[in-house]
Amino acid sequence: MAEKEIGVVSNYFDHVQAAAIKLKGALKVGDTIHIKGGDTDFEQEVDSMQINREVVKKAKKGDEIGIRVNEKVRKGYKVYKK
């Protein structure tokens, strides 16, 4: 199955290893995402996410979510759903 771009990193918080992602498509806990940009290229499962510091199970196009990420990311990196 082809990957679909579902968002872009809008911020990264080093102290908590979390990324803010502006969504262009729906995402839910349990989905596998692929983050790509610069020298960074990795996949991970979404184990939790937040909108405005509230834990949510799913998010839709237009939402800005926060998730913990396994590697450092930067603003502008693309986020794909597998």
N, C-alpha and C. Protein backbone atom coordinates (compact mmCIF):
# COMPACT_ATOMS: atom_id res chain seq x y z
N MET A 1 0.84 -1.19 0.00
CA MET A 1 0.00 0.00 0.00
C MET A 1 0.89 1.25 0.00
N ALA A 2 0.56 2.19 -0.85
CA ALA A 2 1.35 3.42 -0.95
C ALA A 2 1.14 4.30 0.27
N GLU A 3 2.20 4.99 0.64
CA GLU A 3 2.09 5.93 1.76
C GLU A 3 1.34 7.17 1.31
N LYS A 4 0.64 7.78 2.27
CA LYS A 4 -0.10 9.00 1.98
C LYS A 4 0.40 10.09 2.93
N GLU A 5 0.75 11.24 2.37
CA GLU A 5 1.17 12.35 3.23
C GLU A 5 -0.03 12.83 4.03
N ILE A 6 0.12 12.84 5.36
CA ILE A 6 -1.01 13.24 6.20
C ILE A 6 -0.69 14.43 7.09
N GLY A 7 0.52 14.96 6.98
CA GLY A 7 0.82 16.11 7.82
C GLY A 7 2.24 16.61 7.67
N VAL A 8 2.51 17.66 8.43
CA VAL A 8 3.84 18.26 8.44
C VAL A 8 4.17 18.67 9.88
N VAL A 9 5.43 18.47 10.27
CA VAL A 9 5.86 18.85 11.61
C VAL A 9 5.86 20.38 11.71
N SER A 10 5.15 20.91 12.71
CA SER A 10 5.10 22.35 12.88
C SER A 10 5.98 22.83 14.04
N ASN A 11 6.40 21.88 14.91
CA ASN A 11 7.27 22.24 16.02
C ASN A 11 7.83 20.96 16.63
N TYR A 12 8.95 21.11 17.37
CA TYR A 12 9.54 19.97 18.08
C TYR A 12 9.95 20.44 19.46
N PHE A 13 9.63 19.65 20.46
CA PHE A 13 9.93 19.98 21.85
C PHE A 13 10.95 18.97 22.37
N ASP A 14 12.22 19.38 22.36
CA ASP A 14 13.33 18.51 22.70
C ASP A 14 13.22 17.93 24.11
N HIS A 15 12.82 18.76 25.08
CA HIS A 15 12.78 18.34 26.48
C HIS A 15 11.79 17.21 26.75
N VAL A 16 10.78 17.05 25.91
CA VAL A 16 9.82 15.95 26.08
C VAL A 16 9.81 15.01 24.87
N GLN A 17 10.70 15.23 23.91
CA GLN A 17 10.80 14.42 22.69
C GLN A 17 9.44 14.27 22.02
N ALA A 18 8.78 15.39 21.81
CA ALA A 18 7.45 15.38 21.19
C ALA A 18 7.43 16.33 20.00
N ALA A 19 6.60 15.98 19.03
CA ALA A 19 6.44 16.81 17.84
C ALA A 19 5.00 17.30 17.75
N ALA A 20 4.84 18.54 17.31
CA ALA A 20 3.52 19.06 16.96
C ALA A 20 3.39 18.84 15.46
N ILE A 21 2.26 18.26 15.05
CA ILE A 21 2.04 17.94 13.64
C ILE A 21 0.71 18.53 13.19
N LYS A 22 0.76 19.31 12.13
CA LYS A 22 -0.45 19.88 11.52
C LYS A 22 -0.95 18.85 10.51
N LEU A 23 -2.15 18.33 10.74
CA LEU A 23 -2.66 17.23 9.93
C LEU A 23 -3.35 17.69 8.64
N LYS A 24 -3.07 16.95 7.56
CA LYS A 24 -3.74 17.12 6.27
C LYS A 24 -4.68 15.95 6.03
N GLY A 25 -4.71 15.01 6.98
CA GLY A 25 -5.55 13.83 6.87
C GLY A 25 -5.79 13.25 8.24
N ALA A 26 -6.66 12.26 8.33
CA ALA A 26 -7.02 11.65 9.61
C ALA A 26 -5.90 10.74 10.12
N LEU A 27 -5.81 10.65 11.45
CA LEU A 27 -4.82 9.80 12.10
C LEU A 27 -5.43 9.28 13.39
N LYS A 28 -5.11 8.02 13.74
CA LYS A 28 -5.62 7.48 15.00
C LYS A 28 -4.53 6.70 15.71
N VAL A 29 -4.70 6.52 17.01
CA VAL A 29 -3.77 5.73 17.80
C VAL A 29 -3.73 4.33 17.21
N GLY A 30 -2.53 3.79 17.06
CA GLY A 30 -2.35 2.46 16.45
C GLY A 30 -1.87 2.53 15.02
N ASP A 31 -2.04 3.69 14.36
CA ASP A 31 -1.54 3.86 12.99
C ASP A 31 -0.01 3.90 13.01
N THR A 32 0.58 3.49 11.91
CA THR A 32 2.03 3.60 11.74
C THR A 32 2.30 4.81 10.87
N ILE A 33 3.20 5.68 11.35
CA ILE A 33 3.58 6.87 10.59
C ILE A 33 5.03 6.77 10.15
N HIS A 34 5.35 7.52 9.12
CA HIS A 34 6.70 7.59 8.56
C HIS A 34 7.05 9.08 8.50
N ILE A 35 8.11 9.47 9.21
CA ILE A 35 8.53 10.88 9.22
C ILE A 35 9.82 10.99 8.43
N LYS A 36 9.84 11.96 7.51
CA LYS A 36 10.94 12.09 6.58
C LYS A 36 11.31 13.56 6.40
N GLY A 37 12.61 13.85 6.45
CA GLY A 37 13.10 15.19 6.20
C GLY A 37 14.56 15.29 6.60
N GLY A 38 15.34 16.08 5.89
CA GLY A 38 16.76 16.19 6.19
C GLY A 38 17.41 14.82 6.17
N ASP A 39 18.17 14.50 7.22
CA ASP A 39 18.79 13.17 7.35
C ASP A 39 17.89 12.21 8.10
N THR A 40 16.72 12.66 8.50
CA THR A 40 15.80 11.85 9.31
C THR A 40 14.85 11.08 8.42
N ASP A 41 14.68 9.80 8.73
CA ASP A 41 13.78 8.94 7.97
C ASP A 41 13.48 7.73 8.85
N PHE A 42 12.32 7.74 9.53
CA PHE A 42 11.99 6.62 10.42
C PHE A 42 10.49 6.41 10.47
N GLU A 43 10.13 5.21 10.94
CA GLU A 43 8.73 4.84 11.11
C GLU A 43 8.49 4.54 12.58
N GLN A 44 7.27 4.77 13.02
CA GLN A 44 6.89 4.39 14.38
C GLN A 44 5.38 4.28 14.46
N GLU A 45 4.92 3.53 15.45
CA GLU A 45 3.49 3.42 15.71
C GLU A 45 3.07 4.57 16.61
N VAL A 46 1.91 5.12 16.37
CA VAL A 46 1.36 6.19 17.21
C VAL A 46 0.75 5.50 18.44
N ASP A 47 1.39 5.68 19.60
CA ASP A 47 0.86 5.03 20.81
C ASP A 47 -0.01 5.96 21.64
N SER A 48 0.12 7.26 21.42
CA SER A 48 -0.78 8.22 22.07
C SER A 48 -0.63 9.56 21.36
N MET A 49 -1.65 10.39 21.48
CA MET A 49 -1.56 11.73 20.91
C MET A 49 -2.45 12.68 21.69
N GLN A 50 -2.15 13.95 21.55
CA GLN A 50 -2.89 14.97 22.28
C GLN A 50 -3.28 16.12 21.36
N ILE A 51 -4.40 16.74 21.69
CA ILE A 51 -4.80 17.99 21.07
C ILE A 51 -5.03 18.96 22.22
N ASN A 52 -4.30 20.07 22.23
CA ASN A 52 -4.39 21.04 23.33
C ASN A 52 -4.24 20.38 24.69
N ARG A 53 -3.26 19.49 24.81
CA ARG A 53 -2.92 18.78 26.05
C ARG A 53 -4.00 17.82 26.54
N GLU A 54 -4.99 17.55 25.71
CA GLU A 54 -6.03 16.56 26.03
C GLU A 54 -5.72 15.29 25.23
N VAL A 55 -5.69 14.15 25.91
CA VAL A 55 -5.42 12.89 25.23
C VAL A 55 -6.61 12.53 24.33
N VAL A 56 -6.31 12.18 23.08
CA VAL A 56 -7.34 11.79 22.12
C VAL A 56 -6.95 10.48 21.44
N LYS A 57 -7.93 9.78 20.92
CA LYS A 57 -7.69 8.51 20.21
C LYS A 57 -7.58 8.71 18.70
N LYS A 58 -8.20 9.79 18.20
CA LYS A 58 -8.14 10.05 16.76
C LYS A 58 -8.19 11.55 16.52
N ALA A 59 -7.69 11.93 15.35
CA ALA A 59 -7.67 13.35 14.96
C ALA A 59 -8.02 13.42 13.48
N LYS A 60 -8.50 14.59 13.06
CA LYS A 60 -8.93 14.76 11.68
C LYS A 60 -8.12 15.83 10.97
N LYS A 61 -8.33 15.93 9.68
CA LYS A 61 -7.67 16.95 8.86
C LYS A 61 -7.89 18.32 9.50
N GLY A 62 -6.81 19.11 9.59
CA GLY A 62 -6.90 20.45 10.16
C GLY A 62 -6.51 20.52 11.63
N ASP A 63 -6.53 19.37 12.33
CA ASP A 63 -6.12 19.36 13.74
C ASP A 63 -4.61 19.50 13.85
N GLU A 64 -4.16 20.05 14.96
CA GLU A 64 -2.74 20.06 15.27
C GLU A 64 -2.56 19.18 16.49
N ILE A 65 -1.80 18.11 16.31
CA ILE A 65 -1.63 17.12 17.38
C ILE A 65 -0.22 17.14 17.93
N GLY A 66 -0.07 16.61 19.12
CA GLY A 66 1.24 16.40 19.71
C GLY A 66 1.44 14.92 19.93
N ILE A 67 2.59 14.39 19.49
CA ILE A 67 2.91 12.99 19.74
C ILE A 67 4.37 12.86 20.16
N ARG A 68 4.66 11.84 20.94
CA ARG A 68 6.05 11.52 21.27
C ARG A 68 6.68 10.89 20.04
N VAL A 69 7.92 11.28 19.75
CA VAL A 69 8.61 10.72 18.59
C VAL A 69 9.91 10.05 19.03
N ASN A 70 10.32 9.03 18.27
CA ASN A 70 11.49 8.24 18.61
C ASN A 70 12.81 8.92 18.25
N GLU A 71 12.74 9.89 17.36
CA GLU A 71 13.94 10.61 16.93
C GLU A 71 13.64 12.10 16.87
N LYS A 72 14.72 12.90 16.88
CA LYS A 72 14.55 14.34 16.77
C LYS A 72 14.05 14.70 15.37
N VAL A 73 13.08 15.59 15.31
CA VAL A 73 12.54 16.05 14.03
C VAL A 73 12.60 17.57 13.98
N ARG A 74 12.41 18.12 12.81
CA ARG A 74 12.44 19.57 12.64
C ARG A 74 11.19 20.05 11.93
N LYS A 75 10.91 21.32 12.12
CA LYS A 75 9.78 21.96 11.45
C LYS A 75 9.89 21.75 9.95
N GLY A 76 8.77 21.38 9.33
CA GLY A 76 8.75 21.19 7.89
C GLY A 76 8.90 19.76 7.44
N TYR A 77 9.31 18.85 8.34
CA TYR A 77 9.43 17.44 7.96
C TYR A 77 8.06 16.90 7.62
N LYS A 78 8.00 16.05 6.62
CA LYS A 78 6.73 15.47 6.16
C LYS A 78 6.38 14.23 6.98
N VAL A 79 5.07 14.06 7.20
CA VAL A 79 4.57 12.90 7.94
C VAL A 79 3.64 12.11 7.02
N TYR A 80 3.91 10.83 6.91
CA TYR A 80 3.13 9.94 6.04
C TYR A 80 2.48 8.85 6.89
N LYS A 81 1.34 8.35 6.40
CA LYS A 81 0.69 7.21 7.06
C LYS A 81 0.88 6.01 6.16
N LYS A 82 1.24 4.88 6.77
CA LYS A 82 1.45 3.64 6.02
C LYS A 82 0.16 2.91 5.79
